């Protein structure tokens, strides 16, 4: 097969890279990236990749002039405990936190990142 059945990365277009890097690292429970904070070179502030296993979360400010946040979530973060994750994200004062919705095999909620992108947190029960 010429195309792998694997997503290498998910792009999130952002206007303010330092703010986006800080928010995503904080929500993911990662320490601040001091090297990024100290680096003022413009080219180092246009793409920022966070390894998420086989798929990277790629923050991209190269296209910030055309940023139109999607009214729909474009990806989700997995969790094994949706209630605990919900409490954690609310504690982080995330904007637009929806209530937890549940179905037989899945529970989820959504938040807005600082750039206005909708992000979902999801627990699958199967």
PDB file of N, CA and C in Angstrom:
ATOM      1  N   UNK A   1       0.842  -1.188   0.000  1.00  0.00           N
ATOM      2  CA  UNK A   1       0.000   0.000   0.000  1.00  0.00           C
ATOM      3  C   UNK A   1       0.881   1.243   0.000  1.00  0.00           C
ATOM      4  N   UNK A   2       0.657   2.207  -0.884  1.00  0.00           N
ATOM      5  CA  UNK A   2       1.510   3.392  -0.951  1.00  0.00           C
ATOM      6  C   UNK A   2       1.289   4.391   0.181  1.00  0.00           C
ATOM      7  N   UNK A   3       0.162   4.307   0.878  1.00  0.00           N
ATOM      8  CA  UNK A   3      -0.124   5.226   1.986  1.00  0.00           C
ATOM      9  C   UNK A   3      -0.258   4.411   3.265  1.00  0.00           C
ATOM     10  N   UNK A   4       0.523   4.785   4.269  1.00  0.00           N
ATOM     11  CA  UNK A   4       0.433   4.098   5.560  1.00  0.00           C
ATOM     12  C   UNK A   4      -0.892   4.413   6.238  1.00  0.00           C
ATOM     13  N   UNK A   5      -1.378   3.505   7.012  1.00  0.00           N
ATOM     14  CA  UNK A   5      -2.589   3.722   7.807  1.00  0.00           C
ATOM     15  C   UNK A   5      -2.182   4.313   9.148  1.00  0.00           C
ATOM     16  N   UNK A   6      -1.609   5.495   9.081  1.00  0.00           N
ATOM     17  CA  UNK A   6      -1.102   6.157  10.277  1.00  0.00           C
ATOM     18  C   UNK A   6      -1.056   7.651  10.012  1.00  0.00           C
ATOM     19  N   UNK A   7      -1.467   8.445  10.975  1.00  0.00           N
ATOM     20  CA  UNK A   7      -1.366   9.903  10.855  1.00  0.00           C
ATOM     21  C   UNK A   7      -0.063  10.336  11.508  1.00  0.00           C
ATOM     22  N   UNK A   8       0.766  11.025  10.764  1.00  0.00           N
ATOM     23  CA  UNK A   8       2.060  11.462  11.269  1.00  0.00           C
ATOM     24  C   UNK A   8       1.974  12.697  12.147  1.00  0.00           C
ATOM     25  N   UNK A   9       1.030  13.569  11.842  1.00  0.00           N
ATOM     26  CA  UNK A   9       0.899  14.790  12.622  1.00  0.00           C
ATOM     27  C   UNK A   9      -0.424  15.472  12.372  1.00  0.00           C
ATOM     28  N   UNK A  10      -0.839  16.264  13.338  1.00  0.00           N
ATOM     29  CA  UNK A  10      -2.055  17.062  13.245  1.00  0.00           C
ATOM     30  C   UNK A  10      -1.629  18.516  13.405  1.00  0.00           C
ATOM     31  N   UNK A  11      -1.987  19.358  12.429  1.00  0.00           N
ATOM     32  CA  UNK A  11      -1.643  20.771  12.482  1.00  0.00           C
ATOM     33  C   UNK A  11      -2.745  21.567  13.161  1.00  0.00           C
ATOM     34  N   UNK A  12      -2.330  22.456  14.048  1.00  0.00           N
ATOM     35  CA  UNK A  12      -3.237  23.399  14.689  1.00  0.00           C
ATOM     36  C   UNK A  12      -2.682  24.786  14.372  1.00  0.00           C
ATOM     37  N   UNK A  13      -3.448  25.572  13.626  1.00  0.00           N
ATOM     38  CA  UNK A  13      -3.007  26.907  13.247  1.00  0.00           C
ATOM     39  C   UNK A  13      -3.231  27.849  14.434  1.00  0.00           C
ATOM     40  N   UNK A  14      -2.180  28.597  14.780  1.00  0.00           N
ATOM     41  CA  UNK A  14      -2.238  29.501  15.933  1.00  0.00           C
ATOM     42  C   UNK A  14      -1.723  30.880  15.546  1.00  0.00           C
ATOM     43  N   UNK A  15      -2.209  31.888  16.212  1.00  0.00           N
ATOM     44  CA  UNK A  15      -1.722  33.257  15.998  1.00  0.00           C
ATOM     45  C   UNK A  15      -0.565  33.571  16.934  1.00  0.00           C
ATOM     46  N   UNK A  16      -0.696  33.177  18.172  1.00  0.00           N
ATOM     47  CA  UNK A  16       0.270  33.535  19.200  1.00  0.00           C
ATOM     48  C   UNK A  16       0.980  32.258  19.662  1.00  0.00           C
ATOM     49  N   UNK A  17       2.125  31.978  19.050  1.00  0.00           N
ATOM     50  CA  UNK A  17       2.834  30.730  19.318  1.00  0.00           C
ATOM     51  C   UNK A  17       3.232  30.576  20.785  1.00  0.00           C
ATOM     52  N   UNK A  18       3.837  31.569  21.434  1.00  0.00           N
ATOM     53  CA  UNK A  18       4.199  31.369  22.847  1.00  0.00           C
ATOM     54  C   UNK A  18       2.999  31.019  23.723  1.00  0.00           C
ATOM     55  N   UNK A  19       1.876  31.681  23.501  1.00  0.00           N
ATOM     56  CA  UNK A  19       0.671  31.395  24.282  1.00  0.00           C
ATOM     57  C   UNK A  19       0.169  29.974  23.995  1.00  0.00           C
ATOM     58  N   UNK A  20       0.154  29.564  22.723  1.00  0.00           N
ATOM     59  CA  UNK A  20      -0.320  28.229  22.346  1.00  0.00           C
ATOM     60  C   UNK A  20       0.595  27.143  22.906  1.00  0.00           C
ATOM     61  N   UNK A  21       1.903  27.341  22.790  1.00  0.00           N
ATOM     62  CA  UNK A  21       2.862  26.360  23.322  1.00  0.00           C
ATOM     63  C   UNK A  21       2.650  26.197  24.816  1.00  0.00           C
ATOM     64  N   UNK A  22       2.537  27.306  25.527  1.00  0.00           N
ATOM     65  CA  UNK A  22       2.347  27.243  26.979  1.00  0.00           C
ATOM     66  C   UNK A  22       1.043  26.530  27.322  1.00  0.00           C
ATOM     67  N   UNK A  23      -0.054  26.833  26.611  1.00  0.00           N
ATOM     68  CA  UNK A  23      -1.351  26.234  26.916  1.00  0.00           C
ATOM     69  C   UNK A  23      -1.348  24.731  26.663  1.00  0.00           C
ATOM     70  N   UNK A  24      -0.889  24.316  25.487  1.00  0.00           N
ATOM     71  CA  UNK A  24      -0.896  22.881  25.176  1.00  0.00           C
ATOM     72  C   UNK A  24       0.033  22.103  26.092  1.00  0.00           C
ATOM     73  N   UNK A  25       1.211  22.640  26.379  1.00  0.00           N
ATOM     74  CA  UNK A  25       2.125  21.934  27.287  1.00  0.00           C
ATOM     75  C   UNK A  25       1.503  21.820  28.678  1.00  0.00           C
ATOM     76  N   UNK A  26       0.837  22.872  29.135  1.00  0.00           N
ATOM     77  CA  UNK A  26       0.209  22.851  30.447  1.00  0.00           C
ATOM     78  C   UNK A  26      -0.941  21.840  30.491  1.00  0.00           C
ATOM     79  N   UNK A  27      -1.829  21.882  29.504  1.00  0.00           N
ATOM     80  CA  UNK A  27      -2.965  20.959  29.467  1.00  0.00           C
ATOM     81  C   UNK A  27      -2.480  19.507  29.407  1.00  0.00           C
ATOM     82  N   UNK A  28      -1.374  19.273  28.699  1.00  0.00           N
ATOM     83  CA  UNK A  28      -0.843  17.913  28.574  1.00  0.00           C
ATOM     84  C   UNK A  28       0.033  17.507  29.755  1.00  0.00           C
ATOM     85  N   UNK A  29       0.173  18.392  30.739  1.00  0.00           N
ATOM     86  CA  UNK A  29       0.956  18.068  31.929  1.00  0.00           C
ATOM     87  C   UNK A  29       2.451  18.056  31.681  1.00  0.00           C
ATOM     88  N   UNK A  30       2.894  18.809  30.671  1.00  0.00           N
ATOM     89  CA  UNK A  30       4.319  18.890  30.347  1.00  0.00           C
ATOM     90  C   UNK A  30       4.925  20.133  30.988  1.00  0.00           C
ATOM     91  N   UNK A  31       6.170  20.030  31.358  1.00  0.00           N
ATOM     92  CA  UNK A  31       6.885  21.182  31.911  1.00  0.00           C
ATOM     93  C   UNK A  31       7.004  22.275  30.847  1.00  0.00           C
ATOM     94  N   UNK A  32       7.118  23.537  31.250  1.00  0.00           N
ATOM     95  CA  UNK A  32       7.370  24.600  30.273  1.00  0.00           C
ATOM     96  C   UNK A  32       8.639  24.296  29.486  1.00  0.00           C
ATOM     97  N   UNK A  33       8.658  24.681  28.234  1.00  0.00           N
ATOM     98  CA  UNK A  33       9.823  24.469  27.370  1.00  0.00           C
ATOM     99  C   UNK A  33      10.713  25.701  27.464  1.00  0.00           C
ATOM    100  N   UNK A  34      11.653  25.657  28.385  1.00  0.00           N
ATOM    101  CA  UNK A  34      12.509  26.824  28.634  1.00  0.00           C
ATOM    102  C   UNK A  34      13.343  27.206  27.412  1.00  0.00           C
ATOM    103  N   UNK A  35      13.780  26.224  26.628  1.00  0.00           N
ATOM    104  CA  UNK A  35      14.555  26.521  25.425  1.00  0.00           C
ATOM    105  C   UNK A  35      13.703  27.320  24.440  1.00  0.00           C
ATOM    106  N   UNK A  36      12.437  26.964  24.306  1.00  0.00           N
ATOM    107  CA  UNK A  36      11.544  27.700  23.425  1.00  0.00           C
ATOM    108  C   UNK A  36      11.321  29.113  23.949  1.00  0.00           C
ATOM    109  N   UNK A  37      11.082  29.232  25.236  1.00  0.00           N
ATOM    110  CA  UNK A  37      10.822  30.535  25.842  1.00  0.00           C
ATOM    111  C   UNK A  37      12.013  31.475  25.633  1.00  0.00           C
ATOM    112  N   UNK A  38      13.216  30.948  25.758  1.00  0.00           N
ATOM    113  CA  UNK A  38      14.424  31.780  25.635  1.00  0.00           C
ATOM    114  C   UNK A  38      14.801  32.080  24.187  1.00  0.00           C
ATOM    115  N   UNK A  39      14.353  31.253  23.232  1.00  0.00           N
ATOM    116  CA  UNK A  39      14.725  31.431  21.835  1.00  0.00           C
ATOM    117  C   UNK A  39      13.835  32.486  21.202  1.00  0.00           C
ATOM    118  N   UNK A  40      14.455  33.556  20.726  1.00  0.00           N
ATOM    119  CA  UNK A  40      13.688  34.646  20.133  1.00  0.00           C
ATOM    120  C   UNK A  40      13.768  34.652  18.609  1.00  0.00           C
ATOM    121  N   UNK A  41      14.460  33.665  18.005  1.00  0.00           N
ATOM    122  CA  UNK A  41      14.561  33.618  16.547  1.00  0.00           C
ATOM    123  C   UNK A  41      13.173  33.398  15.949  1.00  0.00           C
ATOM    124  N   UNK A  42      12.798  34.237  14.988  1.00  0.00           N
ATOM    125  CA  UNK A  42      11.452  34.167  14.398  1.00  0.00           C
ATOM    126  C   UNK A  42      11.159  32.813  13.765  1.00  0.00           C
ATOM    127  N   UNK A  43      12.140  32.213  13.080  1.00  0.00           N
ATOM    128  CA  UNK A  43      11.877  30.939  12.406  1.00  0.00           C
ATOM    129  C   UNK A  43      11.625  29.805  13.393  1.00  0.00           C
ATOM    130  N   UNK A  44      12.101  29.940  14.634  1.00  0.00           N
ATOM    131  CA  UNK A  44      11.857  28.918  15.651  1.00  0.00           C
ATOM    132  C   UNK A  44      10.475  29.080  16.280  1.00  0.00           C
ATOM    133  N   UNK A  45       9.782  30.120  15.943  1.00  0.00           N
ATOM    134  CA  UNK A  45       8.482  30.378  16.544  1.00  0.00           C
ATOM    135  C   UNK A  45       7.330  30.184  15.547  1.00  0.00           C
ATOM    136  N   UNK A  46       7.602  29.580  14.396  1.00  0.00           N
ATOM    137  CA  UNK A  46       6.540  29.383  13.417  1.00  0.00           C
ATOM    138  C   UNK A  46       6.004  27.954  13.402  1.00  0.00           C
ATOM    139  N   UNK A  47       6.802  26.984  13.790  1.00  0.00           N
ATOM    140  CA  UNK A  47       6.368  25.581  13.879  1.00  0.00           C
ATOM    141  C   UNK A  47       6.862  25.038  15.208  1.00  0.00           C
ATOM    142  N   UNK A  48       5.973  24.373  15.936  1.00  0.00           N
ATOM    143  CA  UNK A  48       6.353  23.769  17.211  1.00  0.00           C
ATOM    144  C   UNK A  48       5.669  22.414  17.297  1.00  0.00           C
ATOM    145  N   UNK A  49       6.440  21.372  17.487  1.00  0.00           N
ATOM    146  CA  UNK A  49       5.921  20.011  17.491  1.00  0.00           C
ATOM    147  C   UNK A  49       5.980  19.411  18.895  1.00  0.00           C
ATOM    148  N   UNK A  50       4.866  18.798  19.292  1.00  0.00           N
ATOM    149  CA  UNK A  50       4.785  18.080  20.560  1.00  0.00           C
ATOM    150  C   UNK A  50       4.551  16.615  20.226  1.00  0.00           C
ATOM    151  N   UNK A  51       5.481  15.768  20.600  1.00  0.00           N
ATOM    152  CA  UNK A  51       5.360  14.346  20.317  1.00  0.00           C
ATOM    153  C   UNK A  51       4.225  13.742  21.136  1.00  0.00           C
ATOM    154  N   UNK A  52       3.358  13.010  20.446  1.00  0.00           N
ATOM    155  CA  UNK A  52       2.212  12.370  21.099  1.00  0.00           C
ATOM    156  C   UNK A  52       2.243  10.870  20.779  1.00  0.00           C
ATOM    157  N   UNK A  53       3.417  10.291  20.791  1.00  0.00           N
ATOM    158  CA  UNK A  53       3.539   8.888  20.403  1.00  0.00           C
ATOM    159  C   UNK A  53       3.823   8.816  18.920  1.00  0.00           C
ATOM    160  N   UNK A  54       2.968   8.140  18.175  1.00  0.00           N
ATOM    161  CA  UNK A  54       3.164   8.023  16.729  1.00  0.00           C
ATOM    162  C   UNK A  54       2.686   9.251  15.969  1.00  0.00           C
ATOM    163  N   UNK A  55       1.863  10.062  16.573  1.00  0.00           N
ATOM    164  CA  UNK A  55       1.326  11.254  15.922  1.00  0.00           C
ATOM    165  C   UNK A  55       1.791  12.486  16.677  1.00  0.00           C
ATOM    166  N   UNK A  56       2.310  13.478  15.948  1.00  0.00           N
ATOM    167  CA  UNK A  56       2.740  14.721  16.575  1.00  0.00           C
ATOM    168  C   UNK A  56       1.625  15.764  16.516  1.00  0.00           C
ATOM    169  N   UNK A  57       1.556  16.584  17.543  1.00  0.00           N
ATOM    170  CA  UNK A  57       0.697  17.756  17.548  1.00  0.00           C
ATOM    171  C   UNK A  57       1.585  18.904  17.091  1.00  0.00           C
ATOM    172  N   UNK A  58       1.264  19.511  15.959  1.00  0.00           N
ATOM    173  CA  UNK A  58       2.132  20.523  15.358  1.00  0.00           C
ATOM    174  C   UNK A  58       1.422  21.868  15.397  1.00  0.00           C
ATOM    175  N   UNK A  59       1.949  22.774  16.199  1.00  0.00           N
ATOM    176  CA  UNK A  59       1.426  24.134  16.264  1.00  0.00           C
ATOM    177  C   UNK A  59       2.101  24.925  15.145  1.00  0.00           C
ATOM    178  N   UNK A  60       1.317  25.616  14.350  1.00  0.00           N
ATOM    179  CA  UNK A  60       1.811  26.283  13.143  1.00  0.00           C
ATOM    180  C   UNK A  60       1.324  27.725  13.129  1.00  0.00           C
ATOM    181  N   UNK A  61       2.263  28.665  13.239  1.00  0.00           N
ATOM    182  CA  UNK A  61       1.876  30.077  13.175  1.00  0.00           C
ATOM    183  C   UNK A  61       2.270  30.709  11.845  1.00  0.00           C
ATOM    184  N   UNK A  62       2.769  29.892  10.915  1.00  0.00           N
ATOM    185  CA  UNK A  62       3.133  30.424   9.593  1.00  0.00           C
ATOM    186  C   UNK A  62       1.892  30.913   8.846  1.00  0.00           C
ATOM    187  N   UNK A  63       0.752  30.318   9.128  1.00  0.00           N
ATOM    188  CA  UNK A  63      -0.483  30.648   8.415  1.00  0.00           C
ATOM    189  C   UNK A  63      -1.468  31.416   9.295  1.00  0.00           C
ATOM    190  N   UNK A  64      -0.936  32.158  10.266  1.00  0.00           N
ATOM    191  CA  UNK A  64      -1.791  32.826  11.242  1.00  0.00           C
ATOM    192  C   UNK A  64      -2.702  33.883  10.626  1.00  0.00           C
ATOM    193  N   UNK A  65      -2.307  34.456   9.481  1.00  0.00           N
ATOM    194  CA  UNK A  65      -3.152  35.474   8.855  1.00  0.00           C
ATOM    195  C   UNK A  65      -4.453  34.873   8.334  1.00  0.00           C
ATOM    196  N   UNK A  66      -4.448  33.590   8.038  1.00  0.00           N
ATOM    197  CA  UNK A  66      -5.644  32.940   7.486  1.00  0.00           C
ATOM    198  C   UNK A  66      -6.382  32.118   8.537  1.00  0.00           C
ATOM    199  N   UNK A  67      -6.020  32.281   9.800  1.00  0.00           N
ATOM    200  CA  UNK A  67      -6.644  31.483  10.858  1.00  0.00           C
ATOM    201  C   UNK A  67      -8.132  31.775  10.971  1.00  0.00           C
ATOM    202  N   UNK A  68      -8.895  30.744  10.775  1.00  0.00           N
ATOM    203  CA  UNK A  68     -10.322  30.779  11.046  1.00  0.00           C
ATOM    204  C   UNK A  68     -10.598  29.534  11.864  1.00  0.00           C
ATOM    205  N   UNK A  69     -10.729  29.682  13.168  1.00  0.00           N
ATOM    206  CA  UNK A  69     -10.948  28.493  13.995  1.00  0.00           C
ATOM    207  C   UNK A  69     -12.153  27.690  13.507  1.00  0.00           C
ATOM    208  N   UNK A  70     -12.003  26.397  13.513  1.00  0.00           N
ATOM    209  CA  UNK A  70     -13.082  25.515  13.086  1.00  0.00           C
ATOM    210  C   UNK A  70     -14.170  25.484  14.156  1.00  0.00           C
ATOM    211  N   UNK A  71     -15.438  25.527  13.747  1.00  0.00           N
ATOM    212  CA  UNK A  71     -16.512  25.402  14.736  1.00  0.00           C
ATOM    213  C   UNK A  71     -16.630  23.960  15.254  1.00  0.00           C
ATOM    214  N   UNK A  72     -15.910  23.053  14.622  1.00  0.00           N
ATOM    215  CA  UNK A  72     -15.913  21.642  15.017  1.00  0.00           C
ATOM    216  C   UNK A  72     -14.541  21.241  15.526  1.00  0.00           C
ATOM    217  N   UNK A  73     -14.514  20.271  16.408  1.00  0.00           N
ATOM    218  CA  UNK A  73     -13.227  19.771  16.883  1.00  0.00           C
ATOM    219  C   UNK A  73     -12.531  19.047  15.732  1.00  0.00           C
ATOM    220  N   UNK A  74     -11.216  19.188  15.665  1.00  0.00           N
ATOM    221  CA  UNK A  74     -10.445  18.577  14.596  1.00  0.00           C
ATOM    222  C   UNK A  74      -9.709  17.324  15.056  1.00  0.00           C
ATOM    223  N   UNK A  75      -9.601  17.156  16.361  1.00  0.00           N
ATOM    224  CA  UNK A  75      -8.930  15.991  16.934  1.00  0.00           C
ATOM    225  C   UNK A  75      -9.364  15.869  18.377  1.00  0.00           C
ATOM    226  N   UNK A  76      -8.980  14.760  19.002  1.00  0.00           N
ATOM    227  CA  UNK A  76      -9.259  14.622  20.431  1.00  0.00           C
ATOM    228  C   UNK A  76      -8.066  14.011  21.143  1.00  0.00           C
ATOM    229  N   UNK A  77      -7.969  14.351  22.417  1.00  0.00           N
ATOM    230  CA  UNK A  77      -6.990  13.743  23.303  1.00  0.00           C
ATOM    231  C   UNK A  77      -7.685  12.589  24.007  1.00  0.00           C
ATOM    232  N   UNK A  78      -7.027  11.437  24.062  1.00  0.00           N
ATOM    233  CA  UNK A  78      -7.590  10.279  24.744  1.00  0.00           C
ATOM    234  C   UNK A  78      -7.366  10.370  26.247  1.00  0.00           C
ATOM    235  N   UNK A  79      -8.296   9.796  26.984  1.00  0.00           N
ATOM    236  CA  UNK A  79      -8.169   9.693  28.428  1.00  0.00           C
ATOM    237  C   UNK A  79      -8.769   8.372  28.886  1.00  0.00           C
ATOM    238  N   UNK A  80      -8.290   7.880  30.007  1.00  0.00           N
ATOM    239  CA  UNK A  80      -8.848   6.669  30.600  1.00  0.00           C
ATOM    240  C   UNK A  80      -9.880   6.987  31.679  1.00  0.00           C
ATOM    241  N   UNK A  81      -9.988   8.279  32.044  1.00  0.00           N
ATOM    242  CA  UNK A  81     -10.900   8.683  33.111  1.00  0.00           C
ATOM    243  C   UNK A  81     -11.454  10.066  32.773  1.00  0.00           C
ATOM    244  N   UNK A  82     -12.586  10.103  32.092  1.00  0.00           N
ATOM    245  CA  UNK A  82     -13.137  11.358  31.596  1.00  0.00           C
ATOM    246  C   UNK A  82     -13.478  12.335  32.714  1.00  0.00           C
ATOM    247  N   UNK A  83     -13.982  11.845  33.827  1.00  0.00           N
ATOM    248  CA  UNK A  83     -14.334  12.723  34.950  1.00  0.00           C
ATOM    249  C   UNK A  83     -13.083  13.378  35.539  1.00  0.00           C
ATOM    250  N   UNK A  84     -12.050  12.586  35.729  1.00  0.00           N
ATOM    251  CA  UNK A  84     -10.791  13.131  36.268  1.00  0.00           C
ATOM    252  C   UNK A  84     -10.193  14.154  35.304  1.00  0.00           C
ATOM    253  N   UNK A  85     -10.232  13.855  34.005  1.00  0.00           N
ATOM    254  CA  UNK A  85      -9.716  14.784  32.997  1.00  0.00           C
ATOM    255  C   UNK A  85     -10.546  16.062  32.971  1.00  0.00           C
ATOM    256  N   UNK A  86     -11.858  15.929  33.071  1.00  0.00           N
ATOM    257  CA  UNK A  86     -12.759  17.079  33.097  1.00  0.00           C
ATOM    258  C   UNK A  86     -12.416  17.995  34.283  1.00  0.00           C
ATOM    259  N   UNK A  87     -12.276  17.414  35.450  1.00  0.00           N
ATOM    260  CA  UNK A  87     -11.929  18.193  36.644  1.00  0.00           C
ATOM    261  C   UNK A  87     -10.578  18.882  36.471  1.00  0.00           C
ATOM    262  N   UNK A  88      -9.606  18.177  35.900  1.00  0.00           N
ATOM    263  CA  UNK A  88      -8.265  18.714  35.661  1.00  0.00           C
ATOM    264  C   UNK A  88      -8.315  19.909  34.708  1.00  0.00           C
ATOM    265  N   UNK A  89      -9.032  19.759  33.601  1.00  0.00           N
ATOM    266  CA  UNK A  89      -9.110  20.822  32.601  1.00  0.00           C
ATOM    267  C   UNK A  89      -9.861  22.033  33.161  1.00  0.00           C
ATOM    268  N   UNK A  90     -10.919  21.804  33.921  1.00  0.00           N
ATOM    269  CA  UNK A  90     -11.641  22.921  34.553  1.00  0.00           C
ATOM    270  C   UNK A  90     -10.735  23.657  35.538  1.00  0.00           C
ATOM    271  N   UNK A  91      -9.906  22.904  36.238  1.00  0.00           N
ATOM    272  CA  UNK A  91      -8.961  23.491  37.189  1.00  0.00           C
ATOM    273  C   UNK A  91      -7.957  24.392  36.466  1.00  0.00           C
ATOM    274  N   UNK A  92      -7.680  24.081  35.198  1.00  0.00           N
ATOM    275  CA  UNK A  92      -6.747  24.872  34.384  1.00  0.00           C
ATOM    276  C   UNK A  92      -7.411  26.114  33.804  1.00  0.00           C
ATOM    277  N   UNK A  93      -8.698  26.319  34.129  1.00  0.00           N
ATOM    278  CA  UNK A  93      -9.459  27.470  33.646  1.00  0.00           C
ATOM    279  C   UNK A  93      -9.535  27.543  32.122  1.00  0.00           C
ATOM    280  N   UNK A  94      -9.687  26.390  31.484  1.00  0.00           N
ATOM    281  CA  UNK A  94      -9.853  26.365  30.030  1.00  0.00           C
ATOM    282  C   UNK A  94     -11.159  27.057  29.664  1.00  0.00           C
ATOM    283  N   UNK A  95     -11.170  27.707  28.514  1.00  0.00           N
ATOM    284  CA  UNK A  95     -12.370  28.415  28.043  1.00  0.00           C
ATOM    285  C   UNK A  95     -13.363  27.447  27.416  1.00  0.00           C
ATOM    286  N   UNK A  96     -14.633  27.747  27.566  1.00  0.00           N
ATOM    287  CA  UNK A  96     -15.675  27.035  26.855  1.00  0.00           C
ATOM    288  C   UNK A  96     -15.777  25.556  27.149  1.00  0.00           C
ATOM    289  N   UNK A  97     -15.536  25.177  28.381  1.00  0.00           N
ATOM    290  CA  UNK A  97     -15.603  23.757  28.735  1.00  0.00           C
ATOM    291  C   UNK A  97     -17.059  23.307  28.684  1.00  0.00           C
ATOM    292  N   UNK A  98     -17.342  22.329  27.815  1.00  0.00           N
ATOM    293  CA  UNK A  98     -18.700  21.793  27.724  1.00  0.00           C
ATOM    294  C   UNK A  98     -18.922  20.786  28.848  1.00  0.00           C
ATOM    295  N   UNK A  99     -20.133  20.385  29.004  1.00  0.00           N
ATOM    296  CA  UNK A  99     -20.422  19.310  29.949  1.00  0.00           C
ATOM    297  C   UNK A  99     -19.962  17.988  29.346  1.00  0.00           C
ATOM    298  N   UNK A 100     -19.762  16.984  30.178  1.00  0.00           N
ATOM    299  CA  UNK A 100     -19.418  15.652  29.690  1.00  0.00           C
ATOM    300  C   UNK A 100     -20.664  15.053  29.048  1.00  0.00           C
ATOM    301  N   UNK A 101     -20.497  14.569  27.829  1.00  0.00           N
ATOM    302  CA  UNK A 101     -21.567  13.860  27.148  1.00  0.00           C
ATOM    303  C   UNK A 101     -21.188  12.398  27.102  1.00  0.00           C
ATOM    304  N   UNK A 102     -22.163  11.538  27.226  1.00  0.00           N
ATOM    305  CA  UNK A 102     -21.859  10.125  27.238  1.00  0.00           C
ATOM    306  C   UNK A 102     -22.763   9.321  26.347  1.00  0.00           C
ATOM    307  N   UNK A 103     -22.197   8.298  25.806  1.00  0.00           N
ATOM    308  CA  UNK A 103     -22.921   7.316  25.008  1.00  0.00           C
ATOM    309  C   UNK A 103     -22.484   5.950  25.519  1.00  0.00           C
ATOM    310  N   UNK A 104     -22.965   4.905  24.939  1.00  0.00           N
ATOM    311  CA  UNK A 104     -22.658   3.560  25.415  1.00  0.00           C
ATOM    312  C   UNK A 104     -21.152   3.304  25.457  1.00  0.00           C
ATOM    313  N   UNK A 105     -20.456   3.628  24.375  1.00  0.00           N
ATOM    314  CA  UNK A 105     -19.040   3.282  24.274  1.00  0.00           C
ATOM    315  C   UNK A 105     -18.078   4.460  24.424  1.00  0.00           C
ATOM    316  N   UNK A 106     -18.604   5.679  24.557  1.00  0.00           N
ATOM    317  CA  UNK A 106     -17.706   6.837  24.561  1.00  0.00           C
ATOM    318  C   UNK A 106     -18.285   7.963  25.415  1.00  0.00           C
ATOM    319  N   UNK A 107     -17.399   8.677  26.092  1.00  0.00           N
ATOM    320  CA  UNK A 107     -17.749   9.897  26.814  1.00  0.00           C
ATOM    321  C   UNK A 107     -16.755  10.967  26.397  1.00  0.00           C
ATOM    322  N   UNK A 108     -17.208  12.225  26.327  1.00  0.00           N
ATOM    323  CA  UNK A 108     -16.323  13.285  25.852  1.00  0.00           C
ATOM    324  C   UNK A 108     -16.794  14.644  26.345  1.00  0.00           C
ATOM    325  N   UNK A 109     -15.889  15.612  26.243  1.00  0.00           N
ATOM    326  CA  UNK A 109     -16.220  17.018  26.444  1.00  0.00           C
ATOM    327  C   UNK A 109     -15.283  17.836  25.583  1.00  0.00           C
ATOM    328  N   UNK A 110     -15.629  19.104  25.394  1.00  0.00           N
ATOM    329  CA  UNK A 110     -14.842  19.980  24.531  1.00  0.00           C
ATOM    330  C   UNK A 110     -14.436  21.248  25.262  1.00  0.00           C
ATOM    331  N   UNK A 111     -13.326  21.828  24.814  1.00  0.00           N
ATOM    332  CA  UNK A 111     -12.855  23.128  25.292  1.00  0.00           C
ATOM    333  C   UNK A 111     -12.376  23.922  24.084  1.00  0.00           C
ATOM    334  N   UNK A 112     -12.132  25.195  24.312  1.00  0.00           N
ATOM    335  CA  UNK A 112     -11.526  26.046  23.299  1.00  0.00           C
ATOM    336  C   UNK A 112     -10.092  26.318  23.720  1.00  0.00           C
ATOM    337  N   UNK A 113      -9.155  26.179  22.778  1.00  0.00           N
ATOM    338  CA  UNK A 113      -7.779  26.564  23.088  1.00  0.00           C
ATOM    339  C   UNK A 113      -7.706  28.092  23.031  1.00  0.00           C
ATOM    340  N   UNK A 114      -6.589  28.700  23.407  1.00  0.00           N
ATOM    341  CA  UNK A 114      -6.514  30.165  23.432  1.00  0.00           C
ATOM    342  C   UNK A 114      -6.688  30.815  22.056  1.00  0.00           C
ATOM    343  N   UNK A 115      -6.542  30.021  20.995  1.00  0.00           N
ATOM    344  CA  UNK A 115      -6.663  30.552  19.640  1.00  0.00           C
ATOM    345  C   UNK A 115      -8.074  30.412  19.091  1.00  0.00           C
ATOM    346  N   UNK A 116      -8.979  29.793  19.863  1.00  0.00           N
ATOM    347  CA  UNK A 116     -10.348  29.609  19.419  1.00  0.00           C
ATOM    348  C   UNK A 116     -10.607  28.285  18.729  1.00  0.00           C
ATOM    349  N   UNK A 117      -9.619  27.385  18.728  1.00  0.00           N
ATOM    350  CA  UNK A 117      -9.799  26.055  18.148  1.00  0.00           C
ATOM    351  C   UNK A 117     -10.511  25.152  19.146  1.00  0.00           C
ATOM    352  N   UNK A 118     -11.459  24.359  18.670  1.00  0.00           N
ATOM    353  CA  UNK A 118     -12.195  23.439  19.534  1.00  0.00           C
ATOM    354  C   UNK A 118     -11.390  22.147  19.680  1.00  0.00           C
ATOM    355  N   UNK A 119     -11.181  21.729  20.917  1.00  0.00           N
ATOM    356  CA  UNK A 119     -10.415  20.528  21.247  1.00  0.00           C
ATOM    357  C   UNK A 119     -11.301  19.612  22.077  1.00  0.00           C
ATOM    358  N   UNK A 120     -11.264  18.323  21.775  1.00  0.00           N
ATOM    359  CA  UNK A 120     -12.080  17.348  22.485  1.00  0.00           C
ATOM    360  C   UNK A 120     -11.203  16.441  23.330  1.00  0.00           C
ATOM    361  N   UNK A 121     -11.753  16.015  24.466  1.00  0.00           N
ATOM    362  CA  UNK A 121     -11.140  14.990  25.323  1.00  0.00           C
ATOM    363  C   UNK A 121     -12.129  13.834  25.331  1.00  0.00           C
ATOM    364  N   UNK A 122     -11.623  12.612  25.144  1.00  0.00           N
ATOM    365  CA  UNK A 122     -12.516  11.488  24.901  1.00  0.00           C
ATOM    366  C   UNK A 122     -12.045  10.221  25.612  1.00  0.00           C
ATOM    367  N   UNK A 123     -13.001   9.511  26.226  1.00  0.00           N
ATOM    368  CA  UNK A 123     -12.748   8.218  26.827  1.00  0.00           C
ATOM    369  C   UNK A 123     -13.586   7.179  26.082  1.00  0.00           C
ATOM    370  N   UNK A 124     -12.911   6.194  25.510  1.00  0.00           N
ATOM    371  CA  UNK A 124     -13.644   5.087  24.884  1.00  0.00           C
ATOM    372  C   UNK A 124     -13.681   3.934  25.865  1.00  0.00           C
ATOM    373  N   UNK A 125     -14.814   3.269  25.921  1.00  0.00           N
ATOM    374  CA  UNK A 125     -15.013   2.241  26.927  1.00  0.00           C
ATOM    375  C   UNK A 125     -14.897   0.828  26.383  1.00  0.00           C
ATOM    376  N   UNK A 126     -14.541   0.698  25.130  1.00  0.00           N
ATOM    377  CA  UNK A 126     -14.427  -0.652  24.569  1.00  0.00           C
ATOM    378  C   UNK A 126     -13.006  -1.138  24.536  1.00  0.00           C
TER     379      UNK A 126
END
